[in-house]
Amino acid sequence: QDTRYPFISQHSNSNITSRNIDPPNKLNMTETRFDVGMTCEGCAGAVKRILGKVEGVTNIDTNVDAKTVVVTHEDGVSKELMNDKLQKWSQASGKSVALVS
């Protein structure tokens, strides 16, 4: 784990990272999945920074190899809001973004 960024944990596969933002209350949590055309850890970091600013998001798992993002969040967080934020990044970066579930 990089001690400069204690909130980002590195899994055994170096292309999978998880960012735990707030201690989750498992009772009212939802997972939202995106397919994102990430090609590097820079892309994954950008996705985490964008989604980490959304109130109610508690964890963001990115997998660059699989090009997936799984966001754990409170039930009240809008999937459309998260998608809109990622679509804005998509337009600027040229990377694809699709809300899966």
C-alpha atoms as a PDB file:
ATOM      1  CA  GLN A   1       0.000   0.000   0.000  1.00  0.00           C
ATOM      2  CA  ASP A   2       1.239   3.454  -0.878  1.00  0.00           C
ATOM      3  CA  THR A   3       1.597   5.364   2.406  1.00  0.00           C
ATOM      4  CA  ARG A   4       1.017   8.684   0.625  1.00  0.00           C
ATOM      5  CA  TYR A   5      -2.544   7.624  -0.167  1.00  0.00           C
ATOM      6  CA  PRO A   6      -3.810   5.446   2.721  1.00  0.00           C
ATOM      7  CA  PHE A   7      -7.403   5.539   1.427  1.00  0.00           C
ATOM      8  CA  ILE A   8      -6.456   3.653  -1.749  1.00  0.00           C
ATOM      9  CA  SER A   9      -5.649  -0.017  -1.312  1.00  0.00           C
ATOM     10  CA  GLN A  10      -3.821  -2.058  -3.916  1.00  0.00           C
ATOM     11  CA  HIS A  11      -4.976  -5.642  -4.469  1.00  0.00           C
ATOM     12  CA  SER A  12      -2.703  -8.473  -5.563  1.00  0.00           C
ATOM     13  CA  ASN A  13      -3.561  -7.677  -9.194  1.00  0.00           C
ATOM     14  CA  SER A  14      -1.909  -4.296  -9.646  1.00  0.00           C
ATOM     15  CA  ASN A  15      -4.693  -3.146 -11.955  1.00  0.00           C
ATOM     16  CA  ILE A  16      -7.415  -3.490  -9.314  1.00  0.00           C
ATOM     17  CA  THR A  17      -7.726  -0.764  -6.727  1.00  0.00           C
ATOM     18  CA  SER A  18     -10.326   0.102  -4.157  1.00  0.00           C
ATOM     19  CA  ARG A  19     -10.985   3.446  -2.539  1.00  0.00           C
ATOM     20  CA  ASN A  20     -12.956   3.362   0.697  1.00  0.00           C
ATOM     21  CA  ILE A  21     -14.202   6.882   1.362  1.00  0.00           C
ATOM     22  CA  ASP A  22     -16.481   6.535   4.380  1.00  0.00           C
ATOM     23  CA  PRO A  23     -17.111   3.610   6.716  1.00  0.00           C
ATOM     24  CA  PRO A  24     -20.086   1.967   5.013  1.00  0.00           C
ATOM     25  CA  ASN A  25     -23.380   1.325   6.756  1.00  0.00           C
ATOM     26  CA  LYS A  26     -24.267  -1.941   5.013  1.00  0.00           C
ATOM     27  CA  LEU A  27     -28.006  -1.607   5.664  1.00  0.00           C
ATOM     28  CA  ASN A  28     -28.800   0.978   2.992  1.00  0.00           C
ATOM     29  CA  MET A  29     -26.025   0.422   0.488  1.00  0.00           C
ATOM     30  CA  THR A  30     -26.277  -0.173  -3.254  1.00  0.00           C
ATOM     31  CA  GLU A  31     -23.701  -1.181  -5.857  1.00  0.00           C
ATOM     32  CA  THR A  32     -23.670   0.493  -9.253  1.00  0.00           C
ATOM     33  CA  ARG A  33     -21.549  -0.912 -12.081  1.00  0.00           C
ATOM     34  CA  PHE A  34     -20.014   0.909 -15.014  1.00  0.00           C
ATOM     35  CA  ASP A  35     -18.027  -0.252 -18.021  1.00  0.00           C
ATOM     36  CA  VAL A  36     -15.309   2.362 -18.478  1.00  0.00           C
ATOM     37  CA  GLY A  37     -12.658   2.409 -21.232  1.00  0.00           C
ATOM     38  CA  MET A  38      -9.807   2.815 -18.744  1.00  0.00           C
ATOM     39  CA  THR A  39      -6.372   2.077 -20.180  1.00  0.00           C
ATOM     40  CA  CYS A  40      -4.154   2.889 -17.187  1.00  0.00           C
ATOM     41  CA  GLU A  41      -4.059   3.734 -13.497  1.00  0.00           C
ATOM     42  CA  GLY A  42      -4.301   7.413 -14.434  1.00  0.00           C
ATOM     43  CA  CYS A  43      -7.758   6.740 -15.864  1.00  0.00           C
ATOM     44  CA  ALA A  44      -8.720   4.746 -12.775  1.00  0.00           C
ATOM     45  CA  GLY A  45      -7.502   7.572 -10.552  1.00  0.00           C
ATOM     46  CA  ALA A  46      -9.553  10.122 -12.483  1.00  0.00           C
ATOM     47  CA  VAL A  47     -12.676   7.977 -12.128  1.00  0.00           C
ATOM     48  CA  LYS A  48     -12.064   7.635  -8.379  1.00  0.00           C
ATOM     49  CA  ARG A  49     -11.533  11.372  -7.949  1.00  0.00           C
ATOM     50  CA  ILE A  50     -14.729  12.188  -9.853  1.00  0.00           C
ATOM     51  CA  LEU A  51     -16.954   9.659  -8.093  1.00  0.00           C
ATOM     52  CA  GLY A  52     -15.309  10.251  -4.718  1.00  0.00           C
ATOM     53  CA  LYS A  53     -16.739  13.779  -4.711  1.00  0.00           C
ATOM     54  CA  VAL A  54     -20.318  12.479  -4.878  1.00  0.00           C
ATOM     55  CA  GLU A  55     -21.907  12.635  -1.431  1.00  0.00           C
ATOM     56  CA  GLY A  56     -22.994   9.192  -0.268  1.00  0.00           C
ATOM     57  CA  VAL A  57     -20.385   7.239  -2.259  1.00  0.00           C
ATOM     58  CA  THR A  58     -18.524   4.991   0.198  1.00  0.00           C
ATOM     59  CA  ASN A  59     -16.299   2.793  -1.980  1.00  0.00           C
ATOM     60  CA  ILE A  60     -15.021   2.719  -5.564  1.00  0.00           C
ATOM     61  CA  ASP A  61     -13.461  -0.433  -7.032  1.00  0.00           C
ATOM     62  CA  THR A  62     -11.745  -0.100 -10.399  1.00  0.00           C
ATOM     63  CA  ASN A  63     -10.319  -2.862 -12.572  1.00  0.00           C
ATOM     64  CA  VAL A  64      -8.327  -1.525 -15.514  1.00  0.00           C
ATOM     65  CA  ASP A  65      -7.903  -4.951 -17.146  1.00  0.00           C
ATOM     66  CA  ALA A  66     -11.640  -5.717 -17.062  1.00  0.00           C
ATOM     67  CA  LYS A  67     -12.490  -2.030 -17.666  1.00  0.00           C
ATOM     68  CA  THR A  68     -15.043  -2.087 -14.844  1.00  0.00           C
ATOM     69  CA  VAL A  69     -15.948   0.235 -11.995  1.00  0.00           C
ATOM     70  CA  VAL A  70     -18.120  -0.834  -9.053  1.00  0.00           C
ATOM     71  CA  VAL A  71     -19.371   1.965  -6.823  1.00  0.00           C
ATOM     72  CA  THR A  72     -20.822   1.249  -3.383  1.00  0.00           C
ATOM     73  CA  HIS A  73     -23.094   4.041  -2.237  1.00  0.00           C
ATOM     74  CA  GLU A  74     -26.070   4.953  -0.115  1.00  0.00           C
ATOM     75  CA  ASP A  75     -29.441   4.124  -1.657  1.00  0.00           C
ATOM     76  CA  GLY A  76     -30.244   7.804  -2.200  1.00  0.00           C
ATOM     77  CA  VAL A  77     -27.305   8.425  -4.550  1.00  0.00           C
ATOM     78  CA  SER A  78     -28.478   8.867  -8.126  1.00  0.00           C
ATOM     79  CA  LYS A  79     -26.982   6.483 -10.676  1.00  0.00           C
ATOM     80  CA  GLU A  80     -27.776   9.095 -13.301  1.00  0.00           C
ATOM     81  CA  LEU A  81     -25.750  11.738 -11.428  1.00  0.00           C
ATOM     82  CA  MET A  82     -22.719   9.450 -11.284  1.00  0.00           C
ATOM     83  CA  ASN A  83     -23.187   8.549 -14.953  1.00  0.00           C
ATOM     84  CA  ASP A  84     -23.460  12.237 -15.931  1.00  0.00           C
ATOM     85  CA  LYS A  85     -20.202  13.018 -14.133  1.00  0.00           C
ATOM     86  CA  LEU A  86     -18.418  10.121 -15.836  1.00  0.00           C
ATOM     87  CA  GLN A  87     -19.888  11.084 -19.221  1.00  0.00           C
ATOM     88  CA  LYS A  88     -18.420  14.582 -18.846  1.00  0.00           C
ATOM     89  CA  TRP A  89     -15.009  12.988 -18.190  1.00  0.00           C
ATOM     90  CA  SER A  90     -15.624  10.658 -21.149  1.00  0.00           C
ATOM     91  CA  GLN A  91     -16.112  13.603 -23.487  1.00  0.00           C
ATOM     92  CA  ALA A  92     -12.912  15.247 -22.289  1.00  0.00           C
ATOM     93  CA  SER A  93     -10.806  12.078 -22.261  1.00  0.00           C
ATOM     94  CA  GLY A  94     -12.213  10.180 -25.225  1.00  0.00           C
ATOM     95  CA  LYS A  95     -12.779   7.117 -23.010  1.00  0.00           C
ATOM     96  CA  SER A  96     -16.054   5.190 -23.178  1.00  0.00           C
ATOM     97  CA  VAL A  97     -18.463   5.049 -20.224  1.00  0.00           C
ATOM     98  CA  ALA A  98     -21.590   2.911 -19.902  1.00  0.00           C
ATOM     99  CA  LEU A  99     -23.884   2.439 -16.920  1.00  0.00           C
ATOM    100  CA  VAL A 100     -24.355  -1.330 -16.558  1.00  0.00           C
ATOM    101  CA  SER A 101     -26.505  -1.671 -13.436  1.00  0.00           C
END
